N, C-alpha and C. Protein backbone atom coordinates (compact mmCIF):
# COMPACT_ATOMS: atom_id res chain seq x y z
N UNK A 1 -31.90 89.49 270.74
CA UNK A 1 -31.76 88.11 271.04
C UNK A 1 -30.46 87.49 270.61
N UNK A 2 -29.97 86.63 271.42
CA UNK A 2 -28.80 85.92 271.09
C UNK A 2 -29.09 84.65 270.36
N UNK A 3 -28.15 84.13 269.55
CA UNK A 3 -28.36 82.83 268.94
C UNK A 3 -28.67 81.71 269.94
N UNK A 4 -28.10 81.76 271.11
CA UNK A 4 -28.44 80.75 272.14
C UNK A 4 -29.83 80.83 272.57
N UNK A 5 -30.37 81.99 272.78
CA UNK A 5 -31.81 82.16 273.15
C UNK A 5 -32.71 81.58 272.04
N UNK A 6 -32.45 82.01 270.87
CA UNK A 6 -33.22 81.58 269.75
C UNK A 6 -33.32 79.97 269.66
N UNK A 7 -32.07 79.42 269.86
CA UNK A 7 -31.99 77.93 269.84
C UNK A 7 -32.68 77.33 271.07
N UNK A 8 -32.52 77.88 272.21
CA UNK A 8 -33.21 77.31 273.42
C UNK A 8 -34.70 77.40 273.27
N UNK A 9 -35.21 78.42 272.77
CA UNK A 9 -36.65 78.51 272.59
C UNK A 9 -37.20 77.42 271.57
N UNK A 10 -36.45 77.36 270.46
CA UNK A 10 -36.80 76.41 269.45
C UNK A 10 -36.76 74.96 270.02
N UNK A 11 -35.70 74.65 270.73
CA UNK A 11 -35.51 73.27 271.30
C UNK A 11 -36.60 72.97 272.30
N UNK A 12 -37.03 74.00 273.14
CA UNK A 12 -38.08 73.75 274.05
C UNK A 12 -39.42 73.52 273.35
N UNK A 13 -39.75 74.22 272.31
CA UNK A 13 -41.05 73.98 271.54
C UNK A 13 -40.94 72.76 270.73
N UNK A 14 -39.86 72.51 270.09
CA UNK A 14 -39.71 71.42 269.11
C UNK A 14 -39.81 70.04 269.87
N UNK A 15 -39.45 70.03 271.09
CA UNK A 15 -39.62 68.77 271.76
C UNK A 15 -41.07 68.26 271.87
N UNK A 16 -42.03 69.17 271.76
CA UNK A 16 -43.46 68.83 271.90
C UNK A 16 -44.11 68.60 270.52
N UNK A 17 -43.41 68.75 269.45
CA UNK A 17 -43.98 68.72 268.08
C UNK A 17 -43.72 67.31 267.45
N UNK A 18 -44.71 66.84 266.68
CA UNK A 18 -44.49 65.63 265.96
C UNK A 18 -43.36 65.96 264.88
N UNK A 19 -42.63 64.98 264.54
CA UNK A 19 -41.58 65.15 263.58
C UNK A 19 -42.09 65.67 262.22
N UNK A 20 -43.27 65.28 261.79
CA UNK A 20 -43.68 65.67 260.37
C UNK A 20 -44.08 67.15 260.33
N UNK A 21 -44.24 67.91 261.47
CA UNK A 21 -44.61 69.31 261.42
C UNK A 21 -43.45 70.19 261.80
N UNK A 22 -42.32 69.64 262.21
CA UNK A 22 -41.19 70.47 262.78
C UNK A 22 -40.65 71.46 261.76
N UNK A 23 -40.47 71.04 260.54
CA UNK A 23 -39.88 71.97 259.59
C UNK A 23 -40.80 73.13 259.25
N UNK A 24 -42.09 72.90 259.13
CA UNK A 24 -43.08 73.95 258.84
C UNK A 24 -43.11 74.87 260.07
N UNK A 25 -43.07 74.41 261.30
CA UNK A 25 -43.07 75.23 262.42
C UNK A 25 -41.86 76.05 262.62
N UNK A 26 -40.70 75.42 262.25
CA UNK A 26 -39.36 76.07 262.27
C UNK A 26 -39.39 77.27 261.30
N UNK A 27 -39.94 77.01 260.09
CA UNK A 27 -40.02 78.12 259.10
C UNK A 27 -40.84 79.31 259.64
N UNK A 28 -42.04 78.92 260.22
CA UNK A 28 -42.86 80.01 260.88
C UNK A 28 -42.05 80.75 261.89
N UNK A 29 -41.42 79.95 262.68
CA UNK A 29 -40.62 80.57 263.82
C UNK A 29 -39.49 81.52 263.29
N UNK A 30 -38.90 81.11 262.36
CA UNK A 30 -37.82 82.05 261.68
C UNK A 30 -38.42 83.29 261.01
N UNK A 31 -39.52 83.06 260.41
CA UNK A 31 -40.24 84.31 259.79
C UNK A 31 -40.69 85.18 260.83
N UNK A 32 -41.20 84.66 262.00
CA UNK A 32 -41.65 85.58 263.11
C UNK A 32 -40.43 86.25 263.66
N UNK A 33 -39.33 85.62 263.86
CA UNK A 33 -38.12 86.28 264.31
C UNK A 33 -37.65 87.41 263.38
N UNK A 34 -37.70 87.20 262.07
CA UNK A 34 -37.30 88.16 261.14
C UNK A 34 -38.31 89.34 261.17
N UNK A 35 -39.53 88.99 261.23
CA UNK A 35 -40.57 90.13 261.39
C UNK A 35 -40.40 90.94 262.62
N UNK A 36 -39.88 90.26 263.68
CA UNK A 36 -39.55 90.98 265.01
C UNK A 36 -38.32 91.71 264.95
N UNK A 37 -37.52 91.71 263.87
CA UNK A 37 -36.27 92.56 263.75
C UNK A 37 -35.02 91.81 264.09
N UNK A 38 -35.02 90.48 264.25
CA UNK A 38 -33.84 89.82 264.56
C UNK A 38 -32.92 89.80 263.31
N UNK A 39 -31.66 90.16 263.50
CA UNK A 39 -30.71 90.28 262.40
C UNK A 39 -30.46 88.84 261.79
N UNK A 40 -30.49 88.82 260.51
CA UNK A 40 -30.30 87.50 259.73
C UNK A 40 -28.84 86.92 260.19
N UNK A 41 -27.86 87.63 260.43
CA UNK A 41 -26.58 87.10 260.87
C UNK A 41 -26.67 86.37 262.18
N UNK A 42 -27.58 86.89 263.07
CA UNK A 42 -27.79 86.15 264.38
C UNK A 42 -28.53 84.85 264.11
N UNK A 43 -29.54 84.87 263.20
CA UNK A 43 -30.22 83.60 262.82
C UNK A 43 -29.26 82.63 262.30
N UNK A 44 -28.34 83.00 261.38
CA UNK A 44 -27.47 82.08 260.75
C UNK A 44 -26.60 81.29 261.81
N UNK A 45 -26.31 81.99 262.97
CA UNK A 45 -25.57 81.39 264.07
C UNK A 45 -26.39 80.45 264.92
N UNK A 46 -27.72 80.46 264.85
CA UNK A 46 -28.65 79.83 265.75
C UNK A 46 -28.95 78.36 265.33
N UNK A 47 -28.74 77.96 264.16
CA UNK A 47 -29.09 76.65 263.77
C UNK A 47 -28.13 75.58 263.85
N UNK A 48 -26.97 75.85 264.44
CA UNK A 48 -25.84 74.89 264.51
C UNK A 48 -26.20 73.52 265.08
N UNK A 49 -27.08 73.41 265.99
CA UNK A 49 -27.26 72.19 266.71
C UNK A 49 -28.59 71.47 266.36
N UNK A 50 -29.43 72.15 265.49
CA UNK A 50 -30.68 71.52 265.10
C UNK A 50 -30.88 71.59 263.65
N UNK A 51 -31.00 70.46 262.98
CA UNK A 51 -31.09 70.36 261.57
C UNK A 51 -32.32 71.06 260.97
N UNK A 52 -33.45 70.81 261.70
CA UNK A 52 -34.70 71.45 261.21
C UNK A 52 -34.67 72.97 261.25
N UNK A 53 -34.11 73.49 262.35
CA UNK A 53 -33.94 74.90 262.49
C UNK A 53 -33.00 75.45 261.41
N UNK A 54 -31.88 74.79 261.14
CA UNK A 54 -30.93 75.29 260.16
C UNK A 54 -31.57 75.27 258.78
N UNK A 55 -32.34 74.23 258.45
CA UNK A 55 -33.00 74.19 257.14
C UNK A 55 -33.95 75.28 257.03
N UNK A 56 -34.69 75.59 258.15
CA UNK A 56 -35.70 76.71 258.00
C UNK A 56 -34.99 78.02 257.89
N UNK A 57 -33.95 78.24 258.54
CA UNK A 57 -33.14 79.46 258.38
C UNK A 57 -32.72 79.66 256.96
N UNK A 58 -32.07 78.60 256.35
CA UNK A 58 -31.60 78.66 255.03
C UNK A 58 -32.73 78.85 254.08
N UNK A 59 -33.91 78.23 254.26
CA UNK A 59 -35.05 78.43 253.41
C UNK A 59 -35.57 79.83 253.45
N UNK A 60 -35.77 80.35 254.59
CA UNK A 60 -36.29 81.68 254.76
C UNK A 60 -35.36 82.83 254.22
N UNK A 61 -34.13 82.59 254.56
CA UNK A 61 -33.12 83.67 254.09
C UNK A 61 -32.96 83.61 252.57
N UNK A 62 -33.00 82.44 252.07
CA UNK A 62 -32.97 82.27 250.55
C UNK A 62 -34.17 82.96 249.87
N UNK A 63 -35.40 82.74 250.49
CA UNK A 63 -36.59 83.38 249.93
C UNK A 63 -36.42 84.93 250.06
N UNK A 64 -35.93 85.47 251.19
CA UNK A 64 -35.77 86.87 251.35
C UNK A 64 -34.78 87.46 250.27
N UNK A 65 -33.67 86.71 250.01
CA UNK A 65 -32.71 87.17 249.01
C UNK A 65 -33.42 87.20 247.65
N UNK A 66 -34.18 86.20 247.30
CA UNK A 66 -34.80 86.03 245.98
C UNK A 66 -35.76 87.18 245.86
N UNK A 67 -36.55 87.52 246.83
CA UNK A 67 -37.55 88.63 246.76
C UNK A 67 -36.83 89.94 246.53
N UNK A 68 -35.66 90.10 247.21
CA UNK A 68 -34.84 91.34 246.96
C UNK A 68 -34.43 91.45 245.63
N UNK A 69 -33.96 90.31 245.06
CA UNK A 69 -33.48 90.37 243.67
C UNK A 69 -34.60 90.72 242.69
N UNK A 70 -35.82 90.20 242.92
CA UNK A 70 -36.97 90.42 242.09
C UNK A 70 -37.37 91.88 242.13
N UNK A 71 -37.31 92.48 243.31
CA UNK A 71 -37.73 93.87 243.52
C UNK A 71 -36.71 94.85 242.82
N UNK A 72 -35.40 94.44 242.91
CA UNK A 72 -34.48 95.36 242.22
C UNK A 72 -34.51 95.20 240.71
N UNK A 73 -34.95 94.03 240.22
CA UNK A 73 -35.10 93.81 238.76
C UNK A 73 -36.28 94.60 238.28
N UNK A 74 -37.40 94.77 239.08
CA UNK A 74 -38.53 95.45 238.64
C UNK A 74 -38.26 96.98 238.54
N UNK A 75 -37.38 97.43 239.17
CA UNK A 75 -37.07 98.95 239.24
C UNK A 75 -36.37 99.27 237.97
């Protein structure tokens, strides 16, 4: 997937969502993309034009980095 495709899909879906649930939906969308194998670098390029999507990308990638640090600490 390209950053443009990710953004187009999000914008299409987000237009039907009430403002109060957009961030939660964006976080679920980003997690789904990561589970589907989308490169985090591609995701970082995707949120340029939508604040909720960018916040979700930052939140999810920060969680993944934190989990990676915890796993290496346990070893």
